[in-house]
Amino acid sequence: MMIATVVDFRKTGRTGQYNQVLVVSRGVDSGQLACRLLGKRAVYTTPSGNTMKGKVTSLHGKNGLFRVRFAKGLPGNAIRKRIEILE
């Protein structure tokens, strides 16, 4: 299990994609290391204890950021919170 942090939602010029978030993980600082996480499952636990499941879908740039897609949109207070990447 790897701990990662939600950086921001994926945004376009006009709207945001609230079911897709940009995530950074400690120790993953290049695109080659982040490529190993593609296809892994991600779990966000809400403050009330509910879990939301997602999947690592793609990289975002070459500095180790990656994109996680959830079935339902995450709440706004999920930014700067932890998610778990399951091995």
N, C-alpha and C. Protein backbone atom coordinates (compact mmCIF):
# COMPACT_ATOMS: atom_id res chain seq x y z
N MET A 1 0.84 -1.18 0.00
CA MET A 1 0.00 0.00 0.00
C MET A 1 0.89 1.24 0.00
N MET A 2 0.53 2.19 -0.83
CA MET A 2 1.28 3.43 -0.95
C MET A 2 0.35 4.60 -0.61
N ILE A 3 0.86 5.55 0.14
CA ILE A 3 0.08 6.73 0.51
C ILE A 3 0.39 7.84 -0.49
N ALA A 4 -0.65 8.49 -1.00
CA ALA A 4 -0.50 9.58 -1.95
C ALA A 4 -1.37 10.75 -1.49
N THR A 5 -1.15 11.91 -2.09
CA THR A 5 -1.88 13.12 -1.71
C THR A 5 -2.59 13.68 -2.94
N VAL A 6 -3.84 14.06 -2.77
CA VAL A 6 -4.61 14.69 -3.84
C VAL A 6 -4.14 16.14 -3.98
N VAL A 7 -3.71 16.50 -5.19
CA VAL A 7 -3.22 17.85 -5.44
C VAL A 7 -4.35 18.76 -5.89
N ASP A 8 -5.12 18.32 -6.87
CA ASP A 8 -6.18 19.15 -7.41
C ASP A 8 -7.08 18.29 -8.28
N PHE A 9 -8.21 18.84 -8.68
CA PHE A 9 -9.07 18.20 -9.65
C PHE A 9 -8.51 18.46 -11.04
N ARG A 10 -8.85 17.60 -11.98
CA ARG A 10 -8.48 17.84 -13.37
C ARG A 10 -9.40 18.92 -13.90
N LYS A 11 -8.82 19.96 -14.49
CA LYS A 11 -9.61 21.10 -14.95
C LYS A 11 -9.38 21.36 -16.43
N THR A 12 -10.40 21.94 -17.06
CA THR A 12 -10.27 22.42 -18.42
C THR A 12 -10.40 23.93 -18.38
N GLY A 13 -10.51 24.55 -19.53
CA GLY A 13 -10.61 26.00 -19.57
C GLY A 13 -11.85 26.55 -18.87
N ARG A 14 -12.94 25.80 -18.91
CA ARG A 14 -14.19 26.32 -18.36
C ARG A 14 -14.71 25.53 -17.17
N THR A 15 -14.53 24.23 -17.19
CA THR A 15 -15.13 23.40 -16.14
C THR A 15 -14.10 22.46 -15.54
N GLY A 16 -14.47 21.83 -14.45
CA GLY A 16 -13.60 20.85 -13.82
C GLY A 16 -14.16 19.45 -13.98
N GLN A 17 -13.27 18.48 -14.00
CA GLN A 17 -13.67 17.08 -14.04
C GLN A 17 -13.56 16.56 -12.62
N TYR A 18 -14.63 16.58 -11.86
CA TYR A 18 -14.55 16.32 -10.43
C TYR A 18 -14.45 14.84 -10.08
N ASN A 19 -14.56 13.97 -11.09
CA ASN A 19 -14.32 12.56 -10.81
C ASN A 19 -12.89 12.16 -11.15
N GLN A 20 -12.08 13.12 -11.62
CA GLN A 20 -10.67 12.86 -11.90
C GLN A 20 -9.82 13.81 -11.09
N VAL A 21 -8.84 13.24 -10.38
CA VAL A 21 -7.98 14.07 -9.54
C VAL A 21 -6.52 13.85 -9.92
N LEU A 22 -5.70 14.86 -9.67
CA LEU A 22 -4.27 14.77 -9.86
C LEU A 22 -3.65 14.43 -8.51
N VAL A 23 -2.75 13.45 -8.52
CA VAL A 23 -2.22 12.89 -7.27
C VAL A 23 -0.70 12.86 -7.35
N VAL A 24 -0.06 13.13 -6.22
CA VAL A 24 1.39 13.02 -6.11
C VAL A 24 1.69 12.09 -4.94
N SER A 25 2.75 11.31 -5.09
CA SER A 25 3.12 10.38 -4.04
C SER A 25 4.57 10.63 -3.64
N ARG A 26 4.85 10.48 -2.38
CA ARG A 26 6.20 10.67 -1.88
C ARG A 26 7.10 9.57 -2.45
N GLY A 27 8.26 9.96 -2.95
CA GLY A 27 9.19 8.99 -3.53
C GLY A 27 9.00 8.77 -5.01
N VAL A 28 7.91 9.24 -5.57
CA VAL A 28 7.68 9.12 -7.02
C VAL A 28 7.93 10.50 -7.62
N ASP A 29 9.11 10.69 -8.22
CA ASP A 29 9.47 12.01 -8.72
C ASP A 29 9.82 12.01 -10.21
N SER A 30 9.49 10.93 -10.90
CA SER A 30 9.72 10.91 -12.34
C SER A 30 8.60 10.12 -13.01
N GLY A 31 8.48 10.32 -14.31
CA GLY A 31 7.45 9.61 -15.05
C GLY A 31 7.68 8.11 -15.10
N GLN A 32 8.94 7.69 -15.07
CA GLN A 32 9.24 6.26 -15.12
C GLN A 32 8.76 5.55 -13.86
N LEU A 33 8.92 6.19 -12.72
CA LEU A 33 8.42 5.58 -11.48
C LEU A 33 6.89 5.60 -11.42
N ALA A 34 6.29 6.66 -11.94
CA ALA A 34 4.84 6.76 -11.93
C ALA A 34 4.19 5.78 -12.89
N CYS A 35 4.91 5.37 -13.95
CA CYS A 35 4.37 4.40 -14.91
C CYS A 35 4.06 3.07 -14.24
N ARG A 36 4.78 2.73 -13.20
CA ARG A 36 4.54 1.47 -12.50
C ARG A 36 3.19 1.45 -11.78
N LEU A 37 2.61 2.63 -11.54
CA LEU A 37 1.35 2.70 -10.82
C LEU A 37 0.13 2.63 -11.73
N LEU A 38 0.32 2.69 -13.04
CA LEU A 38 -0.82 2.67 -13.96
C LEU A 38 -1.61 1.38 -13.80
N GLY A 39 -2.93 1.53 -13.69
CA GLY A 39 -3.81 0.38 -13.55
C GLY A 39 -4.07 -0.03 -12.11
N LYS A 40 -3.35 0.55 -11.16
CA LYS A 40 -3.54 0.18 -9.74
C LYS A 40 -4.83 0.82 -9.22
N ARG A 41 -5.36 0.24 -8.17
CA ARG A 41 -6.58 0.75 -7.54
C ARG A 41 -6.24 1.80 -6.49
N ALA A 42 -7.13 2.77 -6.34
CA ALA A 42 -6.96 3.83 -5.35
C ALA A 42 -8.20 3.88 -4.48
N VAL A 43 -8.02 4.20 -3.20
CA VAL A 43 -9.13 4.27 -2.25
C VAL A 43 -9.03 5.57 -1.47
N TYR A 44 -10.12 6.35 -1.49
CA TYR A 44 -10.23 7.56 -0.68
C TYR A 44 -11.25 7.29 0.41
N THR A 45 -10.89 7.58 1.64
CA THR A 45 -11.80 7.40 2.77
C THR A 45 -12.30 8.76 3.21
N THR A 46 -13.61 8.95 3.20
CA THR A 46 -14.21 10.22 3.60
C THR A 46 -14.12 10.37 5.12
N PRO A 47 -14.28 11.59 5.63
CA PRO A 47 -14.25 11.77 7.08
C PRO A 47 -15.33 10.99 7.82
N SER A 48 -16.42 10.65 7.15
CA SER A 48 -17.47 9.87 7.79
C SER A 48 -17.19 8.37 7.76
N GLY A 49 -16.13 7.96 7.07
CA GLY A 49 -15.75 6.55 7.04
C GLY A 49 -16.13 5.81 5.78
N ASN A 50 -16.84 6.44 4.86
CA ASN A 50 -17.18 5.80 3.59
C ASN A 50 -15.94 5.74 2.69
N THR A 51 -15.88 4.75 1.83
CA THR A 51 -14.74 4.65 0.92
C THR A 51 -15.21 4.86 -0.51
N MET A 52 -14.36 5.51 -1.28
CA MET A 52 -14.61 5.72 -2.70
C MET A 52 -13.43 5.10 -3.44
N LYS A 53 -13.74 4.27 -4.44
CA LYS A 53 -12.71 3.54 -5.14
C LYS A 53 -12.48 4.12 -6.52
N GLY A 54 -11.21 4.14 -6.93
CA GLY A 54 -10.85 4.65 -8.24
C GLY A 54 -9.71 3.84 -8.83
N LYS A 55 -9.20 4.33 -9.95
CA LYS A 55 -8.15 3.63 -10.67
C LYS A 55 -7.17 4.66 -11.24
N VAL A 56 -5.88 4.35 -11.16
CA VAL A 56 -4.85 5.21 -11.75
C VAL A 56 -4.91 5.01 -13.26
N THR A 57 -5.19 6.10 -13.99
CA THR A 57 -5.43 5.97 -15.42
C THR A 57 -4.29 6.46 -16.29
N SER A 58 -3.62 7.55 -15.91
CA SER A 58 -2.57 8.08 -16.77
C SER A 58 -1.64 8.98 -15.98
N LEU A 59 -0.57 9.38 -16.64
CA LEU A 59 0.38 10.31 -16.04
C LEU A 59 -0.05 11.73 -16.34
N HIS A 60 0.44 12.66 -15.55
CA HIS A 60 0.19 14.08 -15.78
C HIS A 60 1.54 14.78 -15.77
N GLY A 61 2.12 14.93 -16.94
CA GLY A 61 3.45 15.51 -17.04
C GLY A 61 4.52 14.47 -16.83
N LYS A 62 5.74 14.94 -16.58
CA LYS A 62 6.88 14.04 -16.44
C LYS A 62 7.52 14.12 -15.07
N ASN A 63 6.85 14.75 -14.10
CA ASN A 63 7.45 14.93 -12.78
C ASN A 63 6.85 14.04 -11.72
N GLY A 64 6.12 13.00 -12.11
CA GLY A 64 5.60 12.06 -11.13
C GLY A 64 4.16 12.25 -10.74
N LEU A 65 3.48 13.25 -11.28
CA LEU A 65 2.04 13.38 -11.03
C LEU A 65 1.30 12.36 -11.87
N PHE A 66 0.21 11.84 -11.31
CA PHE A 66 -0.61 10.93 -12.08
C PHE A 66 -2.07 11.21 -11.82
N ARG A 67 -2.92 10.69 -12.70
CA ARG A 67 -4.35 10.97 -12.67
C ARG A 67 -5.09 9.73 -12.16
N VAL A 68 -6.04 9.96 -11.26
CA VAL A 68 -6.88 8.89 -10.73
C VAL A 68 -8.32 9.23 -11.07
N ARG A 69 -9.02 8.25 -11.64
CA ARG A 69 -10.42 8.44 -12.00
C ARG A 69 -11.29 7.66 -11.03
N PHE A 70 -12.27 8.34 -10.45
CA PHE A 70 -13.23 7.73 -9.55
C PHE A 70 -14.57 7.62 -10.26
N ALA A 71 -15.40 6.69 -9.81
CA ALA A 71 -16.71 6.51 -10.44
C ALA A 71 -17.60 7.71 -10.17
N LYS A 72 -17.51 8.25 -8.97
CA LYS A 72 -18.29 9.41 -8.57
C LYS A 72 -17.32 10.51 -8.21
N GLY A 73 -17.75 11.76 -8.29
CA GLY A 73 -16.87 12.88 -7.98
C GLY A 73 -16.50 12.93 -6.51
N LEU A 74 -15.28 13.35 -6.23
CA LEU A 74 -14.83 13.49 -4.86
C LEU A 74 -15.35 14.80 -4.29
N PRO A 75 -15.49 14.89 -2.97
CA PRO A 75 -15.91 16.16 -2.36
C PRO A 75 -14.80 17.19 -2.46
N GLY A 76 -15.16 18.44 -2.31
CA GLY A 76 -14.18 19.52 -2.43
C GLY A 76 -13.13 19.50 -1.34
N ASN A 77 -13.46 18.94 -0.18
CA ASN A 77 -12.48 18.91 0.90
C ASN A 77 -11.48 17.77 0.75
N ALA A 78 -11.50 17.07 -0.37
CA ALA A 78 -10.54 15.99 -0.62
C ALA A 78 -9.19 16.51 -1.05
N ILE A 79 -9.11 17.78 -1.45
CA ILE A 79 -7.83 18.34 -1.87
C ILE A 79 -6.91 18.43 -0.66
N ARG A 80 -5.66 18.01 -0.87
CA ARG A 80 -4.61 17.93 0.14
C ARG A 80 -4.87 16.84 1.18
N LYS A 81 -5.74 15.89 0.85
CA LYS A 81 -5.99 14.75 1.73
C LYS A 81 -5.30 13.52 1.17
N ARG A 82 -5.22 12.48 1.98
CA ARG A 82 -4.52 11.25 1.60
C ARG A 82 -5.45 10.27 0.90
N ILE A 83 -4.89 9.57 -0.07
CA ILE A 83 -5.55 8.40 -0.63
C ILE A 83 -4.56 7.25 -0.59
N GLU A 84 -5.05 6.06 -0.69
CA GLU A 84 -4.20 4.87 -0.66
C GLU A 84 -4.18 4.25 -2.05
N ILE A 85 -2.97 3.97 -2.54
CA ILE A 85 -2.80 3.25 -3.79
C ILE A 85 -2.51 1.80 -3.42
N LEU A 86 -3.40 0.90 -3.82
CA LEU A 86 -3.26 -0.51 -3.45
C LEU A 86 -2.33 -1.21 -4.42
N GLU A 87 -1.44 -2.01 -3.90
CA GLU A 87 -0.45 -2.74 -4.71
C GLU A 87 -1.05 -4.00 -5.27
